[in-house]
């Protein structure tokens, strides 16, 4: 039973390391996307929705969601492209 838990923890760590490395390596991309999300959300709130008060937590959540979506979609696209470039018979 304990061995199963160990394998699960190791698998989570093996997944977390490349994710963390991508976040750190391309920090400026994620920061740019977050700033764009906050500015776009402010524009939408004030001009379209008519909300003059603003909600800082809402801006933060929009930025986190947008960075998360772009992060995981970019990872999916990168994995798909790397599979397409593999020669036949390589990788299983």
Foldseek 3Di string as FASTA:
>chain_A
DVVVVVVVVVVVVVVVVVLVVVCVVPVVVLVVQLVVQLVVVVCCVCPPVVNPPDDVVVSNVSSVVRSVVVSVVVVVVVVVVVVVPDDPPPDD
